[in-house]
């Protein structure tokens, strides 16, 4: 099993969700986050005053999937979230040791 974390631009969440649904991913967790990387922040306007912030708003997606699907998930996220401009985000793939469905007690891939 794999645990995939993707940091993407906020307006791309629906596109990524649709792409993941198309390949059989049944669920994901989405969190609003802020951070910085090569973008080094951005300039924003608040109540008419311009200011620079070093934290850029992003969306963090977390997906648990079988090892067989991991490459397809990464490709789907990369294709759907890409704009070919700086700040498109990152994808991290980690090994997932165990998963347990709380309601039924199912474990492993049957729990995801």
N, C-alpha and C. Protein backbone atom coordinates (compact mmCIF):
# COMPACT_ATOMS: atom_id res chain seq x y z
N UNK A 1 0.84 -1.18 0.00
CA UNK A 1 0.00 0.00 0.00
C UNK A 1 0.89 1.24 0.00
N UNK A 2 0.36 2.31 -0.56
CA UNK A 2 1.08 3.58 -0.65
C UNK A 2 0.23 4.70 -0.08
N UNK A 3 0.90 5.70 0.49
CA UNK A 3 0.24 6.90 0.98
C UNK A 3 0.81 8.05 0.17
N UNK A 4 -0.06 8.73 -0.57
CA UNK A 4 0.38 9.78 -1.48
C UNK A 4 -0.08 11.12 -0.94
N UNK A 5 0.85 12.05 -0.84
CA UNK A 5 0.57 13.40 -0.38
C UNK A 5 0.89 14.33 -1.55
N UNK A 6 -0.08 15.16 -1.91
CA UNK A 6 0.13 16.12 -3.00
C UNK A 6 -0.19 17.51 -2.49
N UNK A 7 0.68 18.45 -2.79
CA UNK A 7 0.47 19.86 -2.48
C UNK A 7 0.23 20.54 -3.83
N UNK A 8 -0.99 21.11 -4.01
CA UNK A 8 -1.35 21.66 -5.31
C UNK A 8 -1.98 23.05 -5.16
N UNK A 9 -2.18 23.71 -6.29
CA UNK A 9 -2.86 25.00 -6.30
C UNK A 9 -4.34 24.79 -5.97
N UNK A 10 -4.93 25.68 -5.20
CA UNK A 10 -6.32 25.50 -4.75
C UNK A 10 -7.34 25.32 -5.86
N UNK A 11 -7.19 26.02 -6.96
CA UNK A 11 -8.21 25.94 -8.02
C UNK A 11 -8.13 24.65 -8.83
N UNK A 12 -7.16 23.79 -8.54
CA UNK A 12 -7.00 22.54 -9.26
C UNK A 12 -7.61 21.33 -8.53
N UNK A 13 -8.17 21.53 -7.34
CA UNK A 13 -8.67 20.40 -6.53
C UNK A 13 -9.76 19.63 -7.27
N UNK A 14 -10.73 20.31 -7.86
CA UNK A 14 -11.82 19.60 -8.54
C UNK A 14 -11.32 18.81 -9.74
N UNK A 15 -10.37 19.37 -10.49
CA UNK A 15 -9.80 18.65 -11.63
C UNK A 15 -9.10 17.38 -11.17
N UNK A 16 -8.34 17.47 -10.08
CA UNK A 16 -7.63 16.31 -9.55
C UNK A 16 -8.62 15.27 -9.03
N UNK A 17 -9.66 15.71 -8.32
CA UNK A 17 -10.66 14.78 -7.80
C UNK A 17 -11.31 14.00 -8.94
N UNK A 18 -11.67 14.69 -10.01
CA UNK A 18 -12.27 14.03 -11.17
C UNK A 18 -11.32 13.03 -11.81
N UNK A 19 -10.05 13.39 -11.92
CA UNK A 19 -9.06 12.49 -12.51
C UNK A 19 -8.86 11.25 -11.65
N UNK A 20 -8.84 11.43 -10.32
CA UNK A 20 -8.67 10.29 -9.42
C UNK A 20 -9.90 9.40 -9.42
N UNK A 21 -11.07 9.97 -9.48
CA UNK A 21 -12.30 9.19 -9.54
C UNK A 21 -12.32 8.34 -10.81
N UNK A 22 -11.83 8.90 -11.91
CA UNK A 22 -11.81 8.19 -13.19
C UNK A 22 -10.92 6.95 -13.16
N UNK A 23 -9.89 6.93 -12.30
CA UNK A 23 -9.02 5.75 -12.23
C UNK A 23 -9.37 4.82 -11.07
N UNK A 24 -10.47 5.13 -10.36
CA UNK A 24 -10.96 4.22 -9.34
C UNK A 24 -10.61 4.56 -7.91
N UNK A 25 -10.12 5.75 -7.65
CA UNK A 25 -9.84 6.16 -6.28
C UNK A 25 -11.15 6.59 -5.63
N UNK A 26 -11.48 5.97 -4.50
CA UNK A 26 -12.79 6.18 -3.87
C UNK A 26 -12.81 7.31 -2.86
N UNK A 27 -11.65 7.79 -2.41
CA UNK A 27 -11.65 8.85 -1.41
C UNK A 27 -10.30 9.48 -1.23
N UNK A 28 -10.33 10.68 -0.67
CA UNK A 28 -9.10 11.39 -0.34
C UNK A 28 -9.42 12.42 0.73
N UNK A 29 -8.40 12.89 1.40
CA UNK A 29 -8.55 13.94 2.41
C UNK A 29 -7.94 15.21 1.85
N UNK A 30 -8.64 16.33 2.02
CA UNK A 30 -8.18 17.61 1.50
C UNK A 30 -8.06 18.59 2.67
N UNK A 31 -6.93 19.28 2.74
CA UNK A 31 -6.68 20.25 3.80
C UNK A 31 -6.14 21.53 3.19
N UNK A 32 -6.63 22.68 3.67
CA UNK A 32 -6.06 23.96 3.25
C UNK A 32 -4.77 24.18 4.03
N UNK A 33 -3.69 24.47 3.30
CA UNK A 33 -2.39 24.68 3.94
C UNK A 33 -1.74 25.93 3.35
N UNK A 34 -0.68 26.39 3.99
CA UNK A 34 0.14 27.48 3.47
C UNK A 34 1.59 27.06 3.56
N UNK A 35 2.38 27.54 2.64
CA UNK A 35 3.80 27.19 2.67
C UNK A 35 4.56 27.99 1.63
N UNK A 36 5.83 27.67 1.50
CA UNK A 36 6.62 28.32 0.47
C UNK A 36 7.67 27.36 -0.04
N UNK A 37 8.10 27.62 -1.23
CA UNK A 37 9.15 26.83 -1.88
C UNK A 37 9.91 27.78 -2.77
N UNK A 38 10.06 27.39 -4.00
CA UNK A 38 10.78 28.24 -4.95
C UNK A 38 10.03 29.52 -5.26
N UNK A 39 8.71 29.52 -5.01
CA UNK A 39 7.90 30.71 -5.27
C UNK A 39 8.32 31.88 -4.39
N UNK A 40 8.78 31.60 -3.20
CA UNK A 40 9.23 32.62 -2.24
C UNK A 40 8.15 33.63 -1.87
N UNK A 41 6.90 33.20 -1.84
CA UNK A 41 5.82 34.09 -1.41
C UNK A 41 5.16 34.78 -2.57
N UNK A 42 4.30 35.74 -2.24
CA UNK A 42 3.56 36.45 -3.27
C UNK A 42 3.11 37.80 -2.74
N UNK A 43 2.72 38.68 -3.67
CA UNK A 43 2.19 39.99 -3.30
C UNK A 43 0.67 39.93 -3.35
N UNK A 44 0.01 40.44 -2.30
CA UNK A 44 -1.44 40.45 -2.23
C UNK A 44 -1.93 41.84 -1.88
N UNK A 45 -3.23 42.08 -2.14
CA UNK A 45 -3.84 43.36 -1.79
C UNK A 45 -4.92 43.08 -0.76
N UNK A 46 -4.86 43.78 0.38
CA UNK A 46 -5.85 43.64 1.44
C UNK A 46 -6.33 45.03 1.83
N UNK A 47 -7.63 45.27 1.66
CA UNK A 47 -8.24 46.57 1.96
C UNK A 47 -7.49 47.72 1.30
N UNK A 48 -7.13 47.48 0.04
CA UNK A 48 -6.48 48.52 -0.74
C UNK A 48 -4.99 48.67 -0.55
N UNK A 49 -4.43 47.99 0.43
CA UNK A 49 -2.98 48.09 0.68
C UNK A 49 -2.30 46.83 0.15
N UNK A 50 -1.21 47.02 -0.54
CA UNK A 50 -0.45 45.90 -1.08
C UNK A 50 0.57 45.44 -0.06
N UNK A 51 0.68 44.15 0.13
CA UNK A 51 1.67 43.61 1.05
C UNK A 51 2.22 42.30 0.50
N UNK A 52 3.37 41.92 0.98
CA UNK A 52 4.01 40.67 0.55
C UNK A 52 3.91 39.65 1.67
N UNK A 53 3.52 38.45 1.28
CA UNK A 53 3.46 37.35 2.24
C UNK A 53 4.43 36.27 1.78
N UNK A 54 5.07 35.64 2.73
CA UNK A 54 6.02 34.59 2.35
C UNK A 54 5.37 33.21 2.40
N UNK A 55 4.09 33.14 2.71
CA UNK A 55 3.37 31.87 2.71
C UNK A 55 2.28 31.90 1.64
N UNK A 56 2.30 30.92 0.77
CA UNK A 56 1.38 30.84 -0.35
C UNK A 56 0.29 29.81 -0.02
N UNK A 57 -1.00 30.14 -0.24
CA UNK A 57 -2.05 29.16 0.04
C UNK A 57 -2.02 28.00 -0.96
N UNK A 58 -2.13 26.80 -0.45
CA UNK A 58 -2.14 25.59 -1.26
C UNK A 58 -3.17 24.62 -0.68
N UNK A 59 -3.40 23.52 -1.37
CA UNK A 59 -4.26 22.45 -0.88
C UNK A 59 -3.41 21.19 -0.75
N UNK A 60 -3.60 20.49 0.36
CA UNK A 60 -2.88 19.24 0.61
C UNK A 60 -3.86 18.10 0.43
N UNK A 61 -3.53 17.19 -0.47
CA UNK A 61 -4.36 16.01 -0.72
C UNK A 61 -3.64 14.79 -0.15
N UNK A 62 -4.38 13.94 0.52
CA UNK A 62 -3.82 12.71 1.06
C UNK A 62 -4.65 11.55 0.52
N UNK A 63 -3.97 10.59 -0.10
CA UNK A 63 -4.64 9.46 -0.73
C UNK A 63 -3.94 8.18 -0.32
N UNK A 64 -4.69 7.22 0.18
CA UNK A 64 -4.17 5.89 0.45
C UNK A 64 -4.64 4.98 -0.69
N UNK A 65 -3.72 4.21 -1.26
CA UNK A 65 -4.10 3.34 -2.37
C UNK A 65 -3.22 2.09 -2.38
N UNK A 66 -3.60 1.15 -3.22
CA UNK A 66 -2.79 -0.06 -3.36
C UNK A 66 -1.50 0.31 -4.08
N UNK A 67 -0.49 -0.50 -3.87
CA UNK A 67 0.79 -0.25 -4.54
C UNK A 67 0.67 -0.29 -6.05
N UNK A 68 -0.26 -1.11 -6.56
CA UNK A 68 -0.45 -1.23 -8.00
C UNK A 68 -0.99 0.06 -8.62
N UNK A 69 -1.78 0.81 -7.85
CA UNK A 69 -2.40 2.02 -8.37
C UNK A 69 -1.55 3.27 -8.19
N UNK A 70 -0.51 3.20 -7.39
CA UNK A 70 0.26 4.39 -7.01
C UNK A 70 0.79 5.17 -8.22
N UNK A 71 1.36 4.50 -9.19
CA UNK A 71 1.90 5.19 -10.36
C UNK A 71 0.80 5.91 -11.13
N UNK A 72 -0.37 5.27 -11.25
CA UNK A 72 -1.50 5.90 -11.94
C UNK A 72 -2.00 7.12 -11.18
N UNK A 73 -2.01 7.04 -9.85
CA UNK A 73 -2.45 8.17 -9.02
C UNK A 73 -1.50 9.35 -9.21
N UNK A 74 -0.22 9.09 -9.15
CA UNK A 74 0.78 10.16 -9.34
C UNK A 74 0.62 10.80 -10.71
N UNK A 75 0.47 9.98 -11.73
CA UNK A 75 0.32 10.51 -13.09
C UNK A 75 -0.97 11.33 -13.23
N UNK A 76 -2.06 10.85 -12.63
CA UNK A 76 -3.34 11.57 -12.71
C UNK A 76 -3.24 12.92 -12.01
N UNK A 77 -2.60 12.96 -10.84
CA UNK A 77 -2.43 14.23 -10.11
C UNK A 77 -1.56 15.18 -10.91
N UNK A 78 -0.45 14.67 -11.41
CA UNK A 78 0.49 15.51 -12.16
C UNK A 78 -0.17 16.11 -13.40
N UNK A 79 -0.94 15.31 -14.10
CA UNK A 79 -1.61 15.78 -15.31
C UNK A 79 -2.71 16.79 -14.98
N UNK A 80 -3.53 16.48 -13.98
CA UNK A 80 -4.68 17.34 -13.66
C UNK A 80 -4.29 18.62 -12.94
N UNK A 81 -3.22 18.58 -12.15
CA UNK A 81 -2.84 19.75 -11.36
C UNK A 81 -1.82 20.64 -12.05
N UNK A 82 -1.24 20.17 -13.11
CA UNK A 82 -0.18 20.92 -13.77
C UNK A 82 -0.68 22.12 -14.56
N UNK A 83 0.03 23.23 -14.42
CA UNK A 83 -0.23 24.43 -15.22
C UNK A 83 1.04 24.86 -15.96
N UNK A 84 2.11 24.11 -15.75
CA UNK A 84 3.42 24.41 -16.33
C UNK A 84 3.95 25.77 -15.90
N UNK A 85 3.58 26.18 -14.68
CA UNK A 85 4.12 27.42 -14.13
C UNK A 85 4.64 27.16 -12.73
N UNK A 86 5.45 28.07 -12.23
CA UNK A 86 6.03 27.90 -10.92
C UNK A 86 4.93 27.82 -9.86
N UNK A 87 5.12 26.96 -8.88
CA UNK A 87 4.15 26.82 -7.80
C UNK A 87 3.09 25.76 -8.03
N UNK A 88 3.28 24.90 -9.04
CA UNK A 88 2.30 23.83 -9.29
C UNK A 88 2.23 22.85 -8.14
N UNK A 89 3.31 22.68 -7.39
CA UNK A 89 3.26 21.84 -6.21
C UNK A 89 4.20 20.66 -6.25
N UNK A 90 3.96 19.73 -5.34
CA UNK A 90 4.80 18.53 -5.20
C UNK A 90 3.92 17.33 -4.91
N UNK A 91 4.46 16.14 -5.20
CA UNK A 91 3.80 14.88 -4.88
C UNK A 91 4.81 14.03 -4.12
N UNK A 92 4.39 13.49 -2.98
CA UNK A 92 5.24 12.62 -2.18
C UNK A 92 4.56 11.25 -2.09
N UNK A 93 5.35 10.19 -2.26
CA UNK A 93 4.82 8.83 -2.19
C UNK A 93 5.54 8.11 -1.06
N UNK A 94 4.76 7.62 -0.09
CA UNK A 94 5.32 6.92 1.07
C UNK A 94 4.74 5.52 1.15
N UNK A 95 5.49 4.61 1.76
CA UNK A 95 4.96 3.28 2.03
C UNK A 95 3.97 3.38 3.18
N UNK A 96 2.86 2.66 3.06
CA UNK A 96 1.83 2.65 4.10
C UNK A 96 1.84 1.28 4.75
N UNK A 97 2.23 1.24 6.01
CA UNK A 97 2.39 -0.03 6.72
C UNK A 97 1.08 -0.74 7.00
N UNK A 98 0.05 -0.01 7.40
CA UNK A 98 -1.21 -0.64 7.79
C UNK A 98 -2.34 0.35 7.64
N UNK A 99 -3.53 -0.17 7.38
CA UNK A 99 -4.76 0.63 7.34
C UNK A 99 -5.85 -0.19 8.01
N UNK A 100 -6.69 0.47 8.79
CA UNK A 100 -7.78 -0.20 9.49
C UNK A 100 -9.05 0.63 9.31
N UNK A 101 -10.11 -0.02 8.83
CA UNK A 101 -11.40 0.65 8.75
C UNK A 101 -12.05 0.55 10.12
N UNK A 102 -12.33 1.67 10.75
CA UNK A 102 -12.83 1.70 12.12
C UNK A 102 -14.15 0.97 12.26
N UNK A 103 -15.08 1.21 11.34
CA UNK A 103 -16.42 0.64 11.46
C UNK A 103 -16.43 -0.88 11.43
N UNK A 104 -15.67 -1.48 10.50
CA UNK A 104 -15.74 -2.93 10.30
C UNK A 104 -14.54 -3.70 10.85
N UNK A 105 -13.45 -3.01 11.08
CA UNK A 105 -12.23 -3.69 11.53
C UNK A 105 -11.42 -4.28 10.39
N UNK A 106 -11.84 -4.06 9.16
CA UNK A 106 -11.08 -4.55 8.02
C UNK A 106 -9.67 -3.95 8.05
N UNK A 107 -8.69 -4.71 7.57
CA UNK A 107 -7.32 -4.22 7.57
C UNK A 107 -6.72 -4.34 6.18
N UNK A 108 -5.57 -3.68 6.00
CA UNK A 108 -4.86 -3.76 4.73
C UNK A 108 -5.60 -3.07 3.60
N UNK A 109 -5.39 -3.60 2.37
CA UNK A 109 -5.99 -2.97 1.20
C UNK A 109 -7.52 -3.00 1.22
N UNK A 110 -8.13 -3.95 1.88
CA UNK A 110 -9.59 -3.99 1.95
C UNK A 110 -10.14 -2.82 2.78
N UNK A 111 -9.32 -2.23 3.63
CA UNK A 111 -9.74 -1.09 4.45
C UNK A 111 -9.73 0.21 3.65
N UNK A 112 -8.96 0.23 2.56
CA UNK A 112 -8.91 1.46 1.75
C UNK A 112 -9.76 1.30 0.53
